[in-house]
Protein backbone atom coordinates (compact mmCIF):
# COMPACT_ATOMS: atom_id res chain seq x y z
CA MET A 1 101.37 63.34 52.03
CA GLY A 2 98.78 60.81 53.24
CA THR A 3 95.65 61.38 55.31
CA GLY A 4 95.72 61.89 59.05
CA ARG A 5 94.49 58.31 59.51
CA GLN A 6 97.29 56.93 57.34
CA ARG A 7 99.92 58.91 59.25
CA TRP A 8 98.73 57.65 62.61
CA LEU A 9 98.56 54.07 61.34
CA ALA A 10 102.14 54.41 60.10
CA ARG A 11 103.23 55.74 63.50
CA SER A 12 101.45 52.84 65.20
CA ALA A 13 103.29 50.39 62.93
CA VAL A 14 106.67 51.94 63.76
CA ALA A 15 105.82 52.00 67.48
CA ALA A 16 104.79 48.33 67.45
CA MET A 17 108.04 47.35 65.72
CA PHE A 18 110.05 49.38 68.22
CA VAL A 19 108.28 47.78 71.20
CA ALA A 20 108.80 44.32 69.68
CA VAL A 21 112.54 44.90 69.46
CA VAL A 22 112.64 46.28 73.02
CA VAL A 23 110.74 43.26 74.37
CA LEU A 24 113.15 40.93 72.61
CA LEU A 25 116.25 42.72 73.88
CA VAL A 26 115.02 43.24 77.45
CA PHE A 27 113.60 39.80 78.13
CA ALA A 28 115.84 37.66 75.90
CA GLY A 29 119.00 39.70 76.44
CA LEU A 30 122.08 37.92 75.20
CA LYS A 31 119.88 35.11 73.90
CA THR A 32 118.43 37.41 71.21
CA LEU A 33 121.07 36.41 68.66
CA MET A 34 120.49 32.76 69.51
CA LEU A 35 116.74 33.19 68.87
CA LEU A 36 117.40 34.79 65.50
CA ILE A 37 119.74 31.98 64.52
CA LEU A 38 117.22 29.40 65.73
CA GLY A 39 114.38 30.98 63.76
CA VAL A 40 116.33 31.30 60.52
CA GLY A 41 117.75 27.81 60.91
CA ALA A 42 114.32 26.28 61.48
CA LEU A 43 112.94 28.04 58.40
CA VAL A 44 115.80 26.82 56.22
CA VAL A 45 115.52 23.24 57.51
CA SER A 46 111.74 23.22 56.92
CA VAL A 47 112.05 24.50 53.35
CA VAL A 48 114.83 22.04 52.48
CA ALA A 49 112.80 19.19 54.00
CA ALA A 50 109.80 20.19 51.87
CA TYR A 51 112.00 20.23 48.75
CA TRP A 52 113.39 16.77 49.53
CA PHE A 53 109.88 15.48 50.18
CA LEU A 54 108.73 16.63 46.74
CA THR A 55 111.82 15.48 44.82
CA SER A 56 112.63 12.16 46.52
CA ARG A 57 111.11 8.73 46.97
CA GLY A 58 111.22 5.96 49.53
CA PHE A 59 113.10 6.41 52.80
CA LEU A 60 114.48 9.88 51.99
CA ARG A 61 110.98 11.24 51.26
CA TRP A 62 109.55 10.05 54.57
CA PHE A 63 112.68 11.09 56.46
CA ALA A 64 112.25 14.60 55.01
CA LEU A 65 108.60 14.59 56.11
CA CYS A 66 109.60 13.65 59.65
CA VAL A 67 112.23 16.40 59.72
CA GLY A 68 109.72 18.97 58.44
CA VAL A 69 107.14 17.99 61.08
CA LEU A 70 109.59 17.69 63.99
CA THR A 71 111.49 20.94 63.36
CA PRO A 72 108.82 23.34 64.68
CA ILE A 73 108.08 20.96 67.57
CA VAL A 74 111.76 20.94 68.59
CA VAL A 75 111.87 24.73 68.40
CA VAL A 76 108.80 25.09 70.65
CA VAL A 77 110.19 22.59 73.19
CA PHE A 78 113.50 24.48 73.28
CA LEU A 79 111.74 27.80 73.82
CA VAL A 80 109.60 26.36 76.62
CA ARG A 81 112.61 24.92 78.44
CA ALA A 82 114.46 28.21 78.03
CA HIS A 83 111.40 30.14 79.32
CA LEU A 84 111.40 32.18 76.11
CA LEU A 85 108.21 31.00 74.41
CA TRP A 86 106.14 33.90 75.77
CA VAL A 87 108.80 36.36 74.64
CA VAL A 88 108.73 34.98 71.10
CA LEU A 89 104.92 34.91 70.98
CA LEU A 90 104.66 38.48 72.28
CA THR A 91 107.31 39.70 69.84
CA PHE A 92 105.60 37.91 66.97
CA GLY A 93 102.24 39.39 67.97
CA LEU A 94 103.67 42.90 68.02
CA PHE A 95 105.17 42.42 64.55
CA VAL A 96 101.78 41.18 63.30
CA VAL A 97 100.16 44.33 64.67
CA ALA A 98 102.89 46.40 63.00
CA ALA A 99 102.31 44.64 59.68
CA LEU A 100 98.54 45.18 59.82
CA CYS A 101 98.96 48.88 60.64
CA ALA A 102 101.59 49.29 57.92
CA ARG A 103 99.38 47.63 55.32
CA ALA A 104 96.47 49.88 56.21
CA ALA A 105 98.70 52.96 56.15
CA LEU A 106 100.13 52.09 52.74
CA ALA A 107 96.83 50.99 51.22
CA ASP A 108 96.03 52.33 47.79
CA ASP A 109 93.05 54.55 47.17
CA PRO A 110 90.11 52.21 46.31
CA SER A 111 89.50 54.22 43.13
CA ASP A 112 92.85 53.01 41.84
CA VAL A 113 91.55 49.43 41.55
CA VAL A 114 88.02 50.04 40.27
CA VAL A 115 87.43 48.71 36.77
CA PRO A 116 85.41 51.17 34.64
CA GLU A 117 81.74 50.19 34.36
CA TYR A 118 79.36 50.84 31.47
CA PRO A 119 75.54 50.81 31.37
CA SER A 120 73.78 47.96 29.61
CA THR A 121 70.32 46.94 28.46
CA PRO A 122 68.80 43.55 29.34
CA PRO A 123 69.39 40.93 26.62
CA LEU A 124 66.49 39.73 24.51
CA ARG A 125 67.79 36.22 23.74
CA PRO A 126 70.44 35.14 26.26
CA PHE A 127 71.98 31.70 25.74
CA LEU A 128 73.60 29.89 28.66
CA VAL A 129 75.65 26.69 28.84
CA MET A 130 75.53 24.84 32.17
CA ASN A 131 77.68 21.98 33.39
CA PRO A 132 75.65 20.04 35.99
CA TYR A 133 78.76 18.23 37.27
CA SER A 134 80.89 21.30 37.91
CA GLY A 135 81.46 22.43 41.48
CA GLY A 136 79.91 19.27 42.91
CA GLY A 137 76.56 19.86 41.21
CA LYS A 138 75.96 23.56 41.89
CA VAL A 139 73.71 23.88 38.84
CA GLY A 140 71.15 21.55 40.39
CA LYS A 141 71.74 22.59 43.99
CA PHE A 142 70.93 26.24 43.31
CA GLY A 143 68.29 25.61 40.62
CA LEU A 144 70.25 27.61 38.07
CA ARG A 145 68.54 26.19 35.00
CA GLU A 146 65.02 26.91 36.25
CA LYS A 147 65.92 30.42 37.45
CA ALA A 148 67.64 31.29 34.17
CA GLU A 149 64.75 30.03 32.06
CA ALA A 150 62.33 32.03 34.21
CA LEU A 151 64.35 35.11 33.21
CA GLY A 152 63.96 34.29 29.51
CA ALA A 153 67.28 32.54 28.87
CA GLU A 154 67.75 29.51 26.64
CA VAL A 155 69.77 26.94 28.60
CA PHE A 156 71.80 24.04 27.28
CA VAL A 157 72.79 21.51 29.96
CA LEU A 158 75.91 19.48 29.16
CA ASP A 159 75.70 15.68 29.31
CA ALA A 160 78.85 13.65 29.96
CA ASP A 161 77.38 10.71 28.02
CA HIS A 162 76.82 12.90 24.96
CA PRO A 163 79.79 15.30 24.69
CA VAL A 164 79.49 18.33 22.42
CA ASP A 165 81.80 21.00 21.07
CA VAL A 166 80.92 23.87 23.41
CA ALA A 167 82.43 26.53 21.14
CA GLU A 168 80.44 25.31 18.14
CA LEU A 169 77.34 25.19 20.31
CA ALA A 170 77.87 28.86 21.22
CA ARG A 171 78.47 29.84 17.58
CA LYS A 172 75.24 28.16 16.52
CA ALA A 173 73.39 30.05 19.24
CA VAL A 174 74.81 33.33 17.89
CA ASP A 175 73.69 32.38 14.37
CA ASP A 176 70.21 31.74 15.79
CA GLY A 177 70.06 35.25 17.27
CA ALA A 178 71.54 35.02 20.78
CA ASP A 179 72.57 38.45 22.03
CA LEU A 180 74.34 37.26 25.20
CA LEU A 181 76.39 34.15 25.97
CA GLY A 182 77.10 32.73 29.40
CA VAL A 183 78.44 29.72 31.25
CA ALA A 184 77.76 28.07 34.58
CA GLY A 185 80.84 25.91 35.00
CA GLY A 186 84.59 25.85 35.37
CA ASP A 187 87.21 28.19 33.92
CA GLY A 188 87.91 25.85 30.99
CA THR A 189 84.33 25.92 29.73
CA GLN A 190 84.10 29.65 30.51
CA ALA A 191 87.09 30.30 28.25
CA LEU A 192 85.68 28.37 25.27
CA VAL A 193 82.42 30.31 25.24
CA ALA A 194 84.12 33.60 26.15
CA ALA A 195 86.21 33.29 22.98
CA VAL A 196 83.03 33.11 20.89
CA ALA A 197 81.51 36.06 22.73
CA ALA A 198 84.64 38.14 22.12
CA GLU A 199 84.70 37.08 18.47
CA HIS A 200 81.16 38.40 17.93
CA GLY A 201 81.35 41.37 20.31
CA LEU A 202 78.60 39.99 22.55
CA PRO A 203 78.36 40.38 26.33
CA PHE A 204 79.45 37.35 28.34
CA LEU A 205 77.85 36.21 31.60
CA VAL A 206 79.94 34.35 34.18
CA ILE A 207 78.02 32.16 36.65
CA SER A 208 80.17 31.00 39.57
CA ALA A 209 79.20 27.33 39.46
CA GLY A 210 82.74 25.95 39.13
CA THR A 211 84.88 24.28 41.76
CA ARG A 212 87.44 27.06 42.23
CA ASN A 213 85.86 29.94 40.30
CA HIS A 214 89.11 31.88 39.75
CA PHE A 215 87.66 34.01 36.95
CA ALA A 216 84.41 34.69 38.82
CA ALA A 217 86.34 35.64 41.97
CA ASP A 218 88.49 38.13 40.07
CA LEU A 219 85.32 39.67 38.62
CA GLY A 220 83.99 40.22 42.14
CA LEU A 221 81.02 37.85 41.74
CA ASP A 222 79.17 36.02 44.48
CA LEU A 223 80.96 32.69 45.05
CA GLN A 224 78.61 31.43 47.75
CA ASP A 225 75.37 31.60 45.75
CA PRO A 226 75.88 31.45 41.96
CA SER A 227 72.22 32.24 41.33
CA HIS A 228 72.99 35.87 42.23
CA CYS A 229 75.08 36.06 39.05
CA LEU A 230 71.82 35.77 37.09
CA ASP A 231 70.84 39.22 38.38
CA ALA A 232 73.00 40.56 35.55
CA LEU A 233 70.27 39.50 33.09
CA THR A 234 67.88 42.11 34.50
CA ASP A 235 70.08 44.65 36.29
CA GLY A 236 73.60 44.40 34.97
CA ILE A 237 76.49 46.58 33.95
CA ASP A 238 79.34 45.86 31.52
CA ILE A 239 83.06 45.77 32.18
CA PHE A 240 85.77 45.11 29.59
CA VAL A 241 88.50 42.62 30.51
CA ASP A 242 91.49 41.03 28.82
CA ILE A 243 91.66 37.46 27.61
CA GLY A 244 94.77 35.40 27.01
CA THR A 245 95.62 33.05 24.19
CA VAL A 246 97.96 30.07 24.29
CA GLY A 247 98.70 28.29 21.05
CA GLY A 248 95.64 29.99 19.55
CA ARG A 249 93.32 28.82 22.35
CA THR A 250 91.68 31.31 24.71
CA PHE A 251 92.23 31.19 28.47
CA VAL A 252 90.67 33.37 31.16
CA ASN A 253 92.75 32.26 34.14
CA ASN A 254 96.15 30.77 33.34
CA ALA A 255 98.24 28.46 31.19
CA SER A 256 100.83 26.28 32.92
CA PHE A 257 103.93 24.51 31.62
CA GLY A 258 106.35 22.06 33.20
CA ALA A 259 105.64 20.31 36.49
CA TYR A 260 101.94 21.06 36.84
CA ALA A 261 101.17 20.47 33.18
CA GLU A 262 103.01 17.13 33.24
CA VAL A 263 101.08 15.98 36.31
CA VAL A 264 97.61 16.89 35.02
CA GLN A 265 98.27 14.88 31.84
CA SER A 266 98.24 11.66 33.87
CA PRO A 267 95.00 9.64 33.47
CA SER A 268 95.00 9.00 37.22
CA TYR A 269 95.18 12.69 38.18
CA ARG A 270 91.43 13.35 38.15
CA ASP A 271 90.67 10.50 40.55
CA ALA A 272 93.75 10.74 42.79
CA LYS A 273 95.31 14.20 42.57
CA THR A 274 97.57 14.04 45.64
CA SER A 275 98.99 10.56 45.16
CA THR A 276 99.53 11.13 41.43
CA ALA A 277 101.36 14.40 42.06
CA LEU A 278 103.58 12.85 44.75
CA ARG A 279 104.40 9.94 42.46
CA MET A 280 105.31 12.09 39.45
CA LEU A 281 106.91 15.19 40.98
CA PRO A 282 110.33 13.65 41.80
CA ASP A 283 111.02 12.87 38.13
CA VAL A 284 109.47 16.11 36.85
CA LEU A 285 111.24 18.45 39.29
CA THR A 286 114.65 16.83 38.91
CA GLY A 287 114.48 16.85 35.11
CA GLN A 288 114.34 13.07 34.69
CA ASP A 289 110.92 13.27 33.11
CA GLY A 290 109.30 15.81 30.82
CA ALA A 291 110.64 18.17 28.20
CA HIS A 292 113.57 20.60 28.45
CA LEU A 293 111.75 23.93 28.36
CA ILE A 294 113.08 27.29 27.22
CA ALA A 295 110.91 30.29 28.07
CA HIS A 296 111.26 33.69 26.38
CA VAL A 297 109.86 36.31 28.75
CA ALA A 298 110.13 40.10 28.35
CA GLY A 299 113.42 39.92 26.45
CA SER A 300 114.95 37.32 28.78
CA VAL A 301 115.57 33.63 28.16
CA ILE A 302 114.88 31.18 31.00
CA ASP A 303 116.59 27.85 30.38
CA CYS A 304 115.08 24.66 31.77
CA PRO A 305 112.48 26.01 34.21
CA GLN A 306 110.64 23.32 36.17
CA ALA A 307 107.42 25.29 36.00
CA VAL A 308 106.08 28.28 34.09
CA LEU A 309 102.74 29.89 34.92
CA VAL A 310 101.31 32.44 32.48
CA SER A 311 98.24 34.26 33.76
CA ASN A 312 95.67 36.49 32.10
CA GLY A 313 96.70 39.50 34.17
CA PRO A 314 99.31 39.39 36.95
CA TYR A 315 98.58 37.80 40.30
CA GLU A 316 99.53 39.54 43.51
CA THR A 317 103.34 39.56 43.76
CA SER A 318 103.35 37.14 46.72
CA ASP A 319 101.40 34.50 44.80
CA LEU A 320 103.76 32.02 43.13
CA ALA A 321 101.25 29.27 42.41
CA GLY A 322 98.30 31.01 40.78
CA LEU A 323 96.07 30.30 43.75
CA GLY A 324 95.40 33.90 44.71
CA ARG A 325 93.68 36.91 43.18
CA ARG A 326 94.28 39.20 40.25
CA PRO A 327 93.26 42.69 41.39
CA ARG A 328 92.75 43.87 37.80
CA LEU A 329 91.82 42.04 34.60
CA ASP A 330 92.11 45.05 32.31
CA LEU A 331 95.82 45.93 32.48
CA GLY A 332 96.60 44.56 29.02
CA THR A 333 99.44 42.34 30.28
CA LEU A 334 100.21 38.74 31.06
CA GLY A 335 101.61 37.77 34.42
CA VAL A 336 104.51 35.28 34.43
CA VAL A 337 105.99 33.16 37.21
CA ALA A 338 108.87 30.82 36.29
CA LEU A 339 110.54 28.53 38.82
CA SER A 340 113.89 26.87 38.20
CA VAL A 341 115.62 25.17 41.12
CA THR A 342 117.71 22.01 40.90
CA ASN A 343 119.30 21.77 44.34
CA THR A 344 118.82 22.75 47.98
CA ARG A 345 121.22 25.70 47.71
CA GLN A 346 118.99 27.32 45.10
CA VAL A 347 115.90 26.60 47.22
CA ILE A 348 117.50 28.42 50.17
CA GLY A 349 118.38 31.28 47.81
CA LEU A 350 114.69 31.67 46.97
CA LEU A 351 114.00 32.47 50.63
CA ARG A 352 116.10 35.61 50.21
CA ARG A 353 114.82 36.20 46.65
CA THR A 354 118.47 36.54 45.65
CA HIS A 355 118.84 33.63 43.24
CA GLN A 356 118.37 35.34 39.91
CA HIS A 357 117.86 32.14 37.93
CA GLY A 358 115.61 30.45 40.49
CA LEU A 359 112.53 32.64 40.37
CA THR A 360 111.27 34.99 37.69
CA GLN A 361 108.20 37.20 38.10
CA ALA A 362 107.31 39.54 35.28
CA THR A 363 104.54 41.21 33.32
CA THR A 364 104.66 41.19 29.54
CA SER A 365 102.46 41.07 26.46
CA GLU A 366 103.95 37.87 25.03
CA VAL A 367 105.56 34.66 26.29
CA ILE A 368 107.04 31.96 24.08
CA VAL A 369 107.76 28.52 25.50
CA ASP A 370 109.93 26.23 23.38
CA ALA A 371 111.20 22.73 24.09
CA ASN A 372 113.34 19.89 22.80
CA MET A 373 110.17 18.03 21.78
CA PRO A 374 107.69 18.63 18.94
CA SER A 375 104.83 19.00 21.43
CA ILE A 376 104.51 19.59 25.17
CA PRO A 377 101.73 19.29 27.75
CA VAL A 378 100.01 22.52 28.70
CA GLY A 379 97.47 23.06 31.44
CA VAL A 380 94.92 25.57 30.10
CA ASP A 381 92.53 26.74 32.80
CA GLY A 382 92.99 23.35 34.46
CA GLU A 383 92.45 21.33 31.27
CA ALA A 384 95.26 19.03 30.10
CA LEU A 385 96.28 19.61 26.46
CA LEU A 386 99.18 18.82 24.13
CA MET A 387 100.41 21.70 21.99
CA PRO A 388 103.05 21.88 19.22
CA THR A 389 106.19 23.85 20.07
CA PRO A 390 106.98 26.65 20.25
CA VAL A 391 103.90 27.67 22.21
CA ARG A 392 103.07 31.37 22.02
CA CYS A 393 101.06 33.11 24.73
CA THR A 394 99.58 36.56 24.09
CA VAL A 395 97.03 38.89 25.62
CA ARG A 396 94.06 40.56 23.94
CA PRO A 397 93.43 43.78 25.87
CA ALA A 398 89.78 44.60 26.69
CA ALA A 399 88.61 41.95 24.21
CA LEU A 400 85.78 40.56 26.34
CA ARG A 401 82.69 42.48 27.46
CA VAL A 402 81.50 40.84 30.69
CA ARG A 403 77.98 41.42 31.99
CA VAL A 404 78.00 41.44 35.82
CA PRO A 405 75.30 42.27 38.39
CA ARG A 406 75.15 45.90 39.42
CA HIS A 407 75.22 44.79 43.07
CA ARG A 408 77.89 42.18 43.78
CA PRO A 409 80.47 41.46 46.53
CA GLY A 410 83.30 43.10 44.58
CA VAL A 411 86.99 42.40 44.17
CA ALA A 412 89.29 42.20 47.19
CA ARG A 413 91.78 45.04 47.27
CA PRO A 414 95.35 44.00 46.47
CA LYS A 415 97.99 43.72 49.16
CA ARG A 416 100.30 46.71 49.04
CA THR A 417 104.02 45.94 48.76
CA PHE A 418 105.74 46.82 52.04
CA ASP A 419 107.66 50.06 51.50
CA LEU A 420 109.73 50.94 54.57
CA VAL A 421 110.82 54.30 53.14
CA LYS A 422 107.25 55.44 52.49
CA LEU A 423 106.17 54.11 55.88
CA ARG A 424 108.88 56.17 57.59
CA GLU A 425 107.83 59.28 55.67
CA LEU A 426 104.20 58.79 56.67
CA ALA A 427 105.17 58.24 60.31
CA SER A 428 107.33 61.38 60.58
CA PHE A 429 105.95 64.36 62.50
CA ARG A 430 105.73 67.58 60.53
CA ARG A 431 104.25 70.94 61.36
CA GLY A 432 100.53 70.91 60.77
CA ASP A 433 100.08 67.17 61.28
CA ALA A 434 97.00 66.26 63.26
């Protein structure tokens, strides 16, 4: 079981953990228990302070901020005075080495995360929509319009002073003979045109000209220079990915309900994201503002979650905010993260992942979000919308054919869940091991 390299990495991980424990016991001695209590206590205090900061106003908010900032400082000062800082740093470093070796030893075979690729022929009449304001003006900065037109593409540049229905624009292009659709812009615009491409069975080109480029990142495209995405017009291959629907509208990244959706509805959010979020979160998180949500997920009912994130394909299990990567976009499932905490006790429970009603992570083919209101705010790929309840989220497996460059950076491999049992089996010495 496992290659010789994996076995020796596993043994290195176990050895590093053993040495870390020895260092702690030898040099900290009877103070080891005190260090453990201090570390756990500091973590709990920091998390509670963060929760109070987000859910309170006035003096209590700023007091919580002070506590959160001062806690690690107090811990470091204590360790210095007790001449234990070097012990803690060395122990921590050894555990980091152990974690890196364990992750490498438990890594999946790269072939397990490769999306099947299919040959393609260059399009004859590609049609591209470009948002010149997206990503701080990447369309102009990288000369995307000129480069696309030089490759034979028809390009429509959006104008904020003359808004258009992007989906209807794409449908008209199809009626006029377009055999490929594409977008240089954010996930919201990508989703609108992707829906039309899927409807007509046409290949879809993603150009990473957005601000965050979640969809482009999960496709393994070049995020530094979006012009490299245009290589797919001359030397591309096709991959088939899922797309999600929320209330009948397509999304390629995620749909959010509750706290985040309430905040992005505010007119001031676009111009002052941080201050608007800090102003609104206390009422949203404590249930004083917003709808009473009820989420139906994989046969379970989640009553009154503060936030529900439904993604087109599951994020890595450690990602609770939809800020990370989705290793695969062709699994035919939605990823769901639902958070429901109303007091500090439940927040502390989340640290141990023992509070069953505080955090839900699941994969499913359908999510229904109901509420005590006829309509609720929904964040769809970062766009603020109001949708009638109940809101139904579904997935359309392999519905979108995406044209990507043959040569591209690729998708980052997913982090493997730490499995102590498998690590121990890999590390064990057996006859014939090298």
